[in-house]
Amino acid sequence: MIPTQPVPSGFHEPDIPPSSVYDQCVRCGLCLPTCPTYVETLVETSSPRGRIALIKAVDEGRLDLTSPGFMHQMSECLDCRACEAVCPSGVAYGRLLEPARTQIERATAHRRPPLAAIVRAFSLRTLFSNLAAMRFVASLLRFYQRSGLRRAVRSSGILRALHVAELEAMAPTMSAEFFVPRGQRFAASRQPAKATAFVHAGCVMQVAFAEVDAATVRVLQRAGCDVVTPAAQGCCGAIAVHAGDMDLGRTLAKRNIVAFEDSGADVYVVNAAGCGSALKEYGHLFAEESAWAARAAAFSERVRDVTEFLDEIGLAPGLGRLERTVTYQEPCHLAHAQRITAAPRRLLRSIPGLELREMDESSLCCGSAGIYNLTQPEMAQRLGRRKIERIVEVHPQVVATANPGCALQVANGLRAAGHTIRVRHVVELLDESYAAFDAAQRPG
């Protein structure tokens, strides 16, 4: 008797990658040179076209959902969306990848080793779901970094023995003071205000990049906006969605939708490109949930990246000179997912004395991509080194960017390569320019 082959396991409702999206791909290959993993490997399955073919094969029952090759490719993809920006057929690749990851997670979660399962659950369902818990853990990390304990632990060799030395080195330096949204209201510098802006404090942003949140508030005030920071807001859900937990992503999204609806604000302003991309896609996230679809879509229409919004409403006069040479590192989710490329450059060029030097491959992913450093460390390092090479070629004093993951990846890469080039958010440079102007106006 001839043994029969097992039927491949395919996708199951809900959150199936839609055939209406993958059928749009005409396999032209224009996406290949924009894909970071294809550029590094030159392997067809490591390209958007190749991955779309794999997703289609699973959906049609020709490939098993849990086959190692399929799972690897869904994990290796950075979800940078560069392919979307150049696709002549308009294939919304992210609407394929994220459900595919969710399908894999649902099918394989039971296989995860107990320790890994605990770490994942604690990270996603404790830290990112409860920002008070994140701030508590961040406070412990801040003590570790600032007390001298880190120096002692590193010199002891225990980190190398536990194989976590590289992970510990990648941890962001915690801010001296966290930016905690408690329902604060900040009045515009000049009344009447142009608009009321809801500032998304973020999760990692408020503990590791609190100075960026504070600068965002000040620059928005200066631009003529009243600013509110409601306590009810939370994580945007991007980390959960990218990790294959779309259900958790929706739970987190609902909190932000309600917080904005209750705030009375005119616009939802974000200073982290990855968060902004996720927030602008709530309409897609809830497309099949009728009770929330309209509210999510209306919410997403009011979301603006801070550089987009400032460029739209105009900067206030009073920018002071900053004698700096600056290059701009484009966050993938700003350039590709949100298609915002000119606004940050216009803002930077508006600063007197600042020289903007364009680097090659500015929009090629730096290898950060949320938790990609943890899931695909080898590829993340390759892309990080490539980005540092492009930066150094133009000899800047400062790298400007607009996303915390990019800032952390680039700063770590520069430090590892022995460079002292600083990394700043675009809004920090604007804030510094205004401060320079104010200082110049003081008598004496």
Protein backbone atom coordinates (compact mmCIF):
# COMPACT_ATOMS: atom_id res chain seq x y z
CA MET A 1 0.00 0.00 0.00
CA ILE A 2 1.41 3.41 -1.00
CA PRO A 3 1.57 5.73 2.02
CA THR A 4 -0.31 8.96 1.57
CA GLN A 5 1.32 12.31 2.17
CA PRO A 6 -0.15 14.37 5.01
CA VAL A 7 -2.27 17.30 3.89
CA PRO A 8 -0.41 20.57 4.52
CA SER A 9 -1.85 22.69 7.31
CA GLY A 10 -3.08 26.00 5.94
CA PHE A 11 -4.57 29.23 7.24
CA HIS A 12 -7.62 29.29 9.48
CA GLU A 13 -10.09 32.05 10.27
CA PRO A 14 -9.80 34.72 11.52
CA ASP A 15 -6.96 36.92 10.20
CA ILE A 16 -6.18 35.09 6.97
CA PRO A 17 -3.85 36.88 4.52
CA PRO A 18 -6.34 38.08 1.87
CA SER A 19 -6.03 36.55 -1.59
CA SER A 20 -7.31 39.85 -3.01
CA VAL A 21 -4.00 41.38 -1.90
CA TYR A 22 -1.53 38.68 -2.93
CA ASP A 23 -3.27 38.21 -6.30
CA GLN A 24 -2.32 41.80 -7.13
CA CYS A 25 1.35 40.81 -7.33
CA VAL A 26 2.38 40.48 -10.99
CA ARG A 27 5.91 39.27 -10.09
CA CYS A 28 7.56 42.21 -11.86
CA GLY A 29 10.48 42.25 -9.41
CA LEU A 30 10.63 46.02 -8.89
CA CYS A 31 10.48 45.39 -5.16
CA LEU A 32 13.66 43.32 -5.06
CA PRO A 33 16.30 46.09 -4.95
CA THR A 34 14.38 47.90 -2.19
CA CYS A 35 14.15 44.87 0.12
CA PRO A 36 16.89 44.88 2.80
CA THR A 37 17.01 41.10 3.22
CA TYR A 38 17.12 40.48 -0.54
CA VAL A 39 19.85 43.11 -0.99
CA GLU A 40 21.90 41.28 1.64
CA THR A 41 21.21 37.68 0.53
CA LEU A 42 20.18 37.83 -3.17
CA VAL A 43 17.88 34.88 -2.36
CA GLU A 44 14.47 34.94 -4.07
CA THR A 45 12.55 33.67 -1.05
CA SER A 46 14.09 36.49 1.00
CA SER A 47 12.34 39.03 -1.21
CA PRO A 48 8.76 40.38 -1.09
CA ARG A 49 7.95 38.55 -4.33
CA GLY A 50 9.26 35.30 -2.91
CA ARG A 51 7.44 35.68 0.37
CA ILE A 52 4.18 36.51 -1.35
CA ALA A 53 4.56 33.30 -3.36
CA LEU A 54 5.07 31.37 -0.12
CA ILE A 55 1.97 32.91 1.49
CA LYS A 56 -0.06 32.04 -1.60
CA ALA A 57 1.25 28.47 -1.52
CA VAL A 58 0.14 28.03 2.10
CA ASP A 59 -3.27 29.50 1.35
CA GLU A 60 -3.71 27.14 -1.61
CA GLY A 61 -2.65 24.07 0.40
CA ARG A 62 0.66 23.51 -1.43
CA LEU A 63 2.89 24.36 1.54
CA ASP A 64 2.53 23.68 5.24
CA LEU A 65 2.00 26.68 7.49
CA THR A 66 4.53 25.36 9.99
CA SER A 67 7.22 24.37 7.49
CA PRO A 68 10.61 25.69 8.68
CA GLY A 69 11.26 27.61 5.48
CA PHE A 70 7.95 29.45 5.62
CA MET A 71 8.29 30.33 9.28
CA HIS A 72 11.86 31.54 8.75
CA GLN A 73 10.89 33.84 5.89
CA MET A 74 7.98 35.36 7.78
CA SER A 75 10.34 36.03 10.67
CA GLU A 76 13.27 37.24 8.56
CA CYS A 77 11.16 39.93 6.89
CA LEU A 78 11.63 43.30 8.62
CA ASP A 79 8.11 44.47 7.72
CA CYS A 80 9.80 47.69 6.57
CA ARG A 81 7.25 48.13 3.76
CA ALA A 82 9.83 49.41 1.26
CA CYS A 83 8.26 47.06 -1.28
CA GLU A 84 4.89 48.76 -0.88
CA ALA A 85 6.32 52.17 -1.70
CA VAL A 86 7.64 51.05 -5.11
CA CYS A 87 5.03 48.45 -6.11
CA PRO A 88 3.30 49.54 -9.35
CA SER A 89 0.37 47.21 -8.57
CA GLY A 90 -0.19 48.64 -5.10
CA VAL A 91 0.28 45.37 -3.20
CA ALA A 92 -0.30 46.12 0.51
CA TYR A 93 2.36 43.68 1.64
CA GLY A 94 1.93 44.42 5.35
CA ARG A 95 -1.65 43.15 5.16
CA LEU A 96 -0.19 39.78 4.13
CA LEU A 97 2.79 39.50 6.46
CA GLU A 98 1.15 40.42 9.74
CA PRO A 99 -1.76 37.95 9.43
CA ALA A 100 0.71 35.28 8.28
CA ARG A 101 2.73 35.78 11.44
CA THR A 102 -0.45 35.61 13.49
CA GLN A 103 -1.37 32.32 11.80
CA ILE A 104 2.07 30.88 12.61
CA GLU A 105 1.88 32.05 16.22
CA ARG A 106 -1.53 30.44 16.76
CA ALA A 107 -0.34 27.17 15.22
CA THR A 108 2.98 26.93 17.06
CA ALA A 109 2.57 28.72 20.40
CA HIS A 110 2.14 25.40 22.21
CA ARG A 111 5.62 24.32 21.03
CA ARG A 112 7.41 27.27 22.65
CA PRO A 113 9.73 26.26 25.53
CA PRO A 114 8.32 27.23 28.94
CA LEU A 115 10.91 29.93 29.66
CA ALA A 116 10.47 31.52 26.23
CA ALA A 117 6.69 31.43 26.68
CA ILE A 118 6.98 33.19 30.05
CA VAL A 119 9.30 35.87 28.65
CA ARG A 120 6.99 36.51 25.70
CA ALA A 121 3.88 36.68 27.87
CA PHE A 122 5.57 38.99 30.36
CA SER A 123 6.86 41.29 27.62
CA LEU A 124 3.67 41.57 25.58
CA ARG A 125 0.92 41.11 28.15
CA THR A 126 2.55 42.79 31.14
CA LEU A 127 5.09 45.40 30.05
CA PHE A 128 3.45 46.64 26.85
CA SER A 129 -0.09 46.19 28.13
CA ASN A 130 0.51 47.95 31.45
CA LEU A 131 2.75 50.99 31.15
CA ALA A 132 2.93 51.38 34.93
CA ALA A 133 4.63 47.97 34.97
CA MET A 134 6.94 49.10 32.17
CA ARG A 135 7.89 52.21 34.13
CA PHE A 136 8.61 50.09 37.22
CA VAL A 137 10.92 47.77 35.26
CA ALA A 138 12.48 50.80 33.55
CA SER A 139 13.16 52.32 36.99
CA LEU A 140 15.05 49.17 37.99
CA LEU A 141 17.01 49.29 34.75
CA ARG A 142 17.79 52.97 35.29
CA PHE A 143 19.15 52.18 38.77
CA TYR A 144 21.25 49.37 37.29
CA GLN A 145 22.66 51.69 34.61
CA ARG A 146 23.37 54.70 36.84
CA SER A 147 24.43 53.21 40.18
CA GLY A 148 27.66 51.53 39.16
CA LEU A 149 26.01 48.12 39.32
CA ARG A 150 26.26 47.76 35.54
CA ARG A 151 30.02 48.28 35.63
CA ALA A 152 30.39 45.63 38.32
CA VAL A 153 28.15 43.13 36.53
CA ARG A 154 29.93 43.61 33.21
CA SER A 155 33.37 43.18 34.72
CA SER A 156 32.30 40.02 36.56
CA GLY A 157 31.86 38.07 33.33
CA ILE A 158 28.44 36.76 34.34
CA LEU A 159 26.77 38.30 31.28
CA ARG A 160 29.08 36.41 28.94
CA ALA A 161 28.57 33.22 30.93
CA LEU A 162 24.80 33.57 30.56
CA HIS A 163 25.14 34.52 26.86
CA VAL A 164 23.28 37.79 27.37
CA ALA A 165 26.15 40.28 27.03
CA GLU A 166 25.04 41.49 23.59
CA LEU A 167 21.42 41.74 24.71
CA GLU A 168 22.39 43.78 27.76
CA ALA A 169 24.51 46.10 25.61
CA MET A 170 21.56 46.78 23.29
CA ALA A 171 19.30 48.00 26.11
CA PRO A 172 18.51 51.71 25.77
CA THR A 173 19.76 54.11 28.42
CA MET A 174 16.80 55.08 30.58
CA SER A 175 15.91 58.76 30.78
CA ALA A 176 16.70 60.61 34.01
CA GLU A 177 13.01 61.51 34.29
CA PHE A 178 10.19 59.64 32.58
CA PHE A 179 7.50 61.40 30.57
CA VAL A 180 4.37 60.05 32.22
CA PRO A 181 1.02 61.03 30.65
CA ARG A 182 -1.27 62.03 33.51
CA GLY A 183 -3.81 64.18 31.72
CA GLN A 184 -1.54 67.23 31.55
CA ARG A 185 -2.59 70.22 29.45
CA PHE A 186 -0.03 72.59 27.96
CA ALA A 187 -1.18 75.90 26.52
CA ALA A 188 -0.04 77.17 23.14
CA SER A 189 2.58 79.90 23.27
CA ARG A 190 0.16 82.20 21.49
CA GLN A 191 -3.60 82.24 21.72
CA PRO A 192 -5.94 81.51 20.10
CA ALA A 193 -4.49 78.08 19.47
CA LYS A 194 -4.39 76.64 15.96
CA ALA A 195 -5.44 73.21 17.22
CA THR A 196 -5.45 70.91 20.22
CA ALA A 197 -2.92 68.15 19.78
CA PHE A 198 -3.07 64.82 21.62
CA VAL A 199 0.55 63.70 22.10
CA HIS A 200 1.16 59.96 22.06
CA ALA A 201 3.71 59.39 24.83
CA GLY A 202 4.48 55.86 23.65
CA CYS A 203 5.77 52.97 25.74
CA VAL A 204 9.56 52.77 25.34
CA MET A 205 9.53 56.44 24.32
CA GLN A 206 8.32 57.68 27.70
CA VAL A 207 11.02 55.85 29.65
CA ALA A 208 14.03 55.80 27.30
CA PHE A 209 13.37 58.86 25.10
CA ALA A 210 11.43 61.07 27.50
CA GLU A 211 13.38 64.09 26.30
CA VAL A 212 11.88 63.59 22.83
CA ASP A 213 8.35 63.61 24.27
CA ALA A 214 9.15 66.79 26.22
CA ALA A 215 10.65 68.44 23.13
CA THR A 216 7.57 67.44 21.12
CA VAL A 217 5.30 69.25 23.59
CA ARG A 218 7.44 72.40 23.56
CA VAL A 219 7.71 72.60 19.78
CA LEU A 220 3.97 72.02 19.34
CA GLN A 221 3.26 74.77 21.88
CA ARG A 222 5.60 77.06 19.99
CA ALA A 223 3.83 76.20 16.73
CA GLY A 224 0.57 77.43 18.24
CA CYS A 225 -1.04 74.25 19.58
CA ASP A 226 -2.62 73.44 22.89
CA VAL A 227 -1.28 70.03 23.91
CA VAL A 228 -2.94 67.26 25.93
CA THR A 229 -1.40 64.02 27.21
CA PRO A 230 -4.30 61.87 28.47
CA ALA A 231 -3.49 59.21 31.06
CA ALA A 232 -5.81 56.70 29.40
CA GLN A 233 -3.54 56.22 26.37
CA GLY A 234 -1.21 53.25 26.04
CA CYS A 235 0.99 51.21 23.71
CA CYS A 236 -0.02 51.51 20.05
CA GLY A 237 -0.01 47.72 19.62
CA ALA A 238 2.64 47.59 16.89
CA ILE A 239 4.93 45.25 18.84
CA ALA A 240 2.06 42.81 19.44
CA VAL A 241 0.89 42.85 15.81
CA HIS A 242 4.43 42.39 14.47
CA ALA A 243 4.92 39.51 16.92
CA GLY A 244 1.85 37.70 15.59
CA ASP A 245 -0.62 38.66 18.32
CA MET A 246 -3.26 40.65 16.44
CA ASP A 247 -5.83 40.02 19.17
CA LEU A 248 -3.66 41.81 21.73
CA GLY A 249 -2.96 44.52 19.16
CA ARG A 250 -6.70 45.19 18.90
CA THR A 251 -7.10 45.31 22.66
CA LEU A 252 -4.37 47.93 22.94
CA ALA A 253 -5.75 49.85 19.97
CA LYS A 254 -9.19 50.18 21.52
CA ARG A 255 -7.68 51.95 24.52
CA ASN A 256 -6.10 54.62 22.33
CA ILE A 257 -9.23 55.11 20.24
CA VAL A 258 -11.34 55.73 23.35
CA ALA A 259 -8.69 57.97 24.92
CA PHE A 260 -8.62 60.16 21.81
CA GLU A 261 -12.41 60.29 21.51
CA ASP A 262 -12.65 61.41 25.14
CA SER A 263 -9.84 63.97 24.87
CA GLY A 264 -11.56 66.54 22.66
CA ALA A 265 -8.32 66.92 20.69
CA ASP A 266 -8.29 67.74 16.99
CA VAL A 267 -5.29 65.62 16.01
CA TYR A 268 -3.35 62.65 17.41
CA VAL A 269 0.38 63.48 17.14
CA VAL A 270 3.05 60.78 17.21
CA ASN A 271 6.84 61.16 17.39
CA ALA A 272 7.69 57.49 16.75
CA ALA A 273 7.37 56.39 13.13
CA GLY A 274 6.60 52.76 13.96
CA CYS A 275 3.81 53.79 16.32
CA GLY A 276 2.44 56.26 13.80
CA SER A 277 2.26 53.61 11.12
CA ALA A 278 0.38 51.24 13.42
CA LEU A 279 -2.01 53.96 14.59
CA LYS A 280 -2.78 54.97 11.01
CA GLU A 281 -3.65 51.36 10.20
CA TYR A 282 -6.26 50.79 12.93
CA GLY A 283 -8.89 50.95 10.18
CA HIS A 284 -7.38 47.82 8.59
CA LEU A 285 -6.87 46.15 11.98
CA PHE A 286 -10.60 46.41 12.72
CA ALA A 287 -11.90 45.99 9.16
CA GLU A 288 -13.74 42.78 10.08
CA GLU A 289 -14.99 43.96 13.49
CA SER A 290 -18.13 45.91 12.69
CA ALA A 291 -18.54 47.44 16.14
CA TRP A 292 -15.16 49.15 15.88
CA ALA A 293 -14.44 49.51 12.16
CA ALA A 294 -15.90 53.01 11.68
CA ARG A 295 -14.43 54.35 14.92
CA ALA A 296 -11.00 52.93 14.09
CA ALA A 297 -11.05 54.39 10.58
CA ALA A 298 -12.12 57.81 11.90
CA PHE A 299 -9.35 57.67 14.49
CA SER A 300 -6.67 56.78 11.93
CA GLU A 301 -7.65 59.74 9.77
CA ARG A 302 -6.70 62.08 12.62
CA VAL A 303 -3.23 60.59 13.27
CA ARG A 304 -0.20 62.64 12.21
CA ASP A 305 3.52 62.13 12.59
CA VAL A 306 4.97 65.13 14.40
CA THR A 307 7.13 66.07 11.40
CA GLU A 308 4.13 65.77 9.09
CA PHE A 309 1.97 67.93 11.36
CA LEU A 310 4.58 70.64 11.94
CA ASP A 311 5.25 70.83 8.22
CA GLU A 312 1.49 71.12 7.64
CA ILE A 313 0.72 73.89 10.17
CA GLY A 314 4.05 75.70 9.85
CA LEU A 315 6.80 76.37 12.35
CA ALA A 316 6.74 79.46 14.51
CA PRO A 317 9.40 82.11 13.84
CA GLY A 318 12.36 82.25 16.19
CA LEU A 319 14.63 79.39 15.14
CA GLY A 320 18.20 80.00 16.29
CA ARG A 321 21.43 78.97 14.60
CA LEU A 322 22.78 75.45 14.99
CA GLU A 323 26.14 75.08 13.30
CA ARG A 324 25.85 71.36 12.61
CA THR A 325 26.37 68.98 9.75
CA VAL A 326 23.47 66.55 9.84
CA THR A 327 22.47 63.50 7.85
CA TYR A 328 18.95 62.11 7.94
CA GLN A 329 18.25 58.42 8.57
CA GLU A 330 14.77 57.68 7.26
CA PRO A 331 12.67 55.41 9.48
CA CYS A 332 11.09 52.73 7.32
CA HIS A 333 7.62 53.21 8.75
CA LEU A 334 7.78 56.93 8.07
CA ALA A 335 9.22 56.77 4.55
CA HIS A 336 7.54 53.60 3.27
CA ALA A 337 4.43 52.91 5.34
CA GLN A 338 3.41 56.56 5.82
CA ARG A 339 5.14 57.91 2.67
CA ILE A 340 6.55 60.90 4.55
CA THR A 341 9.98 61.82 3.23
CA ALA A 342 10.04 65.53 2.38
CA ALA A 343 8.58 66.97 5.60
CA PRO A 344 11.45 66.00 7.96
CA ARG A 345 13.98 67.35 5.48
CA ARG A 346 12.11 70.66 5.12
CA LEU A 347 12.05 71.04 8.89
CA LEU A 348 15.76 70.34 9.18
CA ARG A 349 16.62 72.76 6.37
CA SER A 350 14.59 75.47 8.11
CA ILE A 351 17.13 75.56 10.98
CA PRO A 352 19.69 78.36 10.39
CA GLY A 353 23.27 77.15 10.21
CA LEU A 354 22.35 73.47 9.81
CA GLU A 355 23.85 71.70 6.78
CA LEU A 356 21.89 68.65 5.67
CA ARG A 357 24.03 66.03 3.93
CA GLU A 358 22.20 63.19 2.21
CA MET A 359 23.56 59.70 2.71
CA ASP A 360 23.20 56.82 0.27
CA GLU A 361 20.51 54.25 1.13
CA SER A 362 18.92 56.60 3.66
CA SER A 363 15.63 54.70 3.43
CA LEU A 364 17.12 51.18 3.56
CA CYS A 365 16.23 49.60 6.89
CA CYS A 366 18.87 49.92 9.62
CA GLY A 367 17.93 46.50 11.03
CA SER A 368 16.04 47.64 14.12
CA ALA A 369 12.40 46.82 13.23
CA GLY A 370 10.95 46.49 16.74
CA ILE A 371 12.24 43.26 18.29
CA TYR A 372 14.09 42.17 15.13
CA ASN A 373 17.43 42.41 16.96
CA LEU A 374 16.19 39.61 19.19
CA THR A 375 14.50 37.41 16.59
CA GLN A 376 17.02 37.82 13.75
CA PRO A 377 20.25 39.10 15.35
CA GLU A 378 22.59 38.13 12.50
CA MET A 379 20.63 39.97 9.82
CA ALA A 380 20.03 42.92 12.15
CA GLN A 381 23.76 43.26 12.67
CA ARG A 382 24.51 43.05 8.94
CA LEU A 383 22.01 45.78 8.15
CA GLY A 384 23.23 47.87 11.09
CA ARG A 385 26.82 47.74 9.86
CA ARG A 386 25.69 48.66 6.36
CA LYS A 387 23.83 51.69 7.71
CA ILE A 388 26.81 52.88 9.75
CA GLU A 389 29.02 52.69 6.64
CA ARG A 390 26.58 54.92 4.73
CA ILE A 391 26.44 57.41 7.60
CA VAL A 392 30.18 57.69 8.05
CA GLU A 393 30.69 58.31 4.32
CA VAL A 394 29.12 61.80 4.60
CA HIS A 395 31.01 62.80 7.79
CA PRO A 396 28.12 64.22 9.82
CA GLN A 397 28.24 65.52 13.37
CA VAL A 398 24.65 64.41 13.98
CA VAL A 399 22.34 61.72 12.61
CA ALA A 400 18.72 62.89 12.65
CA THR A 401 15.90 60.36 12.68
CA ALA A 402 12.27 60.11 13.77
CA ASN A 403 11.89 56.71 15.43
CA PRO A 404 13.27 55.33 18.72
CA GLY A 405 14.22 51.93 17.30
CA CYS A 406 16.28 53.56 14.56
CA ALA A 407 17.88 55.92 17.07
CA LEU A 408 18.89 53.04 19.32
CA GLN A 409 20.18 50.83 16.48
CA VAL A 410 22.20 53.62 14.89
CA ALA A 411 23.60 54.88 18.21
CA ASN A 412 24.70 51.37 19.21
CA GLY A 413 26.24 50.79 15.79
CA LEU A 414 28.15 54.07 15.85
CA ARG A 415 29.44 53.40 19.35
CA ALA A 416 30.54 49.86 18.45
CA ALA A 417 32.41 51.22 15.44
CA GLY A 418 34.20 53.81 17.58
CA HIS A 419 32.40 56.93 16.32
CA THR A 420 31.21 59.83 18.46
CA ILE A 421 28.49 61.00 16.05
CA ARG A 422 25.34 61.91 17.99
CA VAL A 423 21.83 60.67 17.15
CA ARG A 424 18.92 63.07 17.63
CA HIS A 425 15.23 63.14 16.81
CA VAL A 426 14.24 65.81 14.29
CA VAL A 427 12.01 67.48 16.89
CA GLU A 428 14.93 67.64 19.35
CA LEU A 429 16.95 69.67 16.85
CA LEU A 430 14.01 72.03 16.35
CA ASP A 431 13.64 72.40 20.11
CA GLU A 432 17.36 73.08 20.46
CA SER A 433 17.18 75.67 17.70
CA TYR A 434 14.35 77.52 19.46
CA ALA A 435 16.33 77.41 22.71
CA ALA A 436 19.35 78.88 20.91
CA PHE A 437 17.23 81.75 19.62
CA ASP A 438 15.83 82.44 23.10
CA ALA A 439 19.31 82.43 24.60
CA ALA A 440 20.54 84.89 21.98
CA GLN A 441 17.72 87.30 22.84
CA ARG A 442 18.55 87.49 26.54
CA PRO A 443 20.43 90.62 27.56
CA GLY A 444 24.04 90.23 28.50
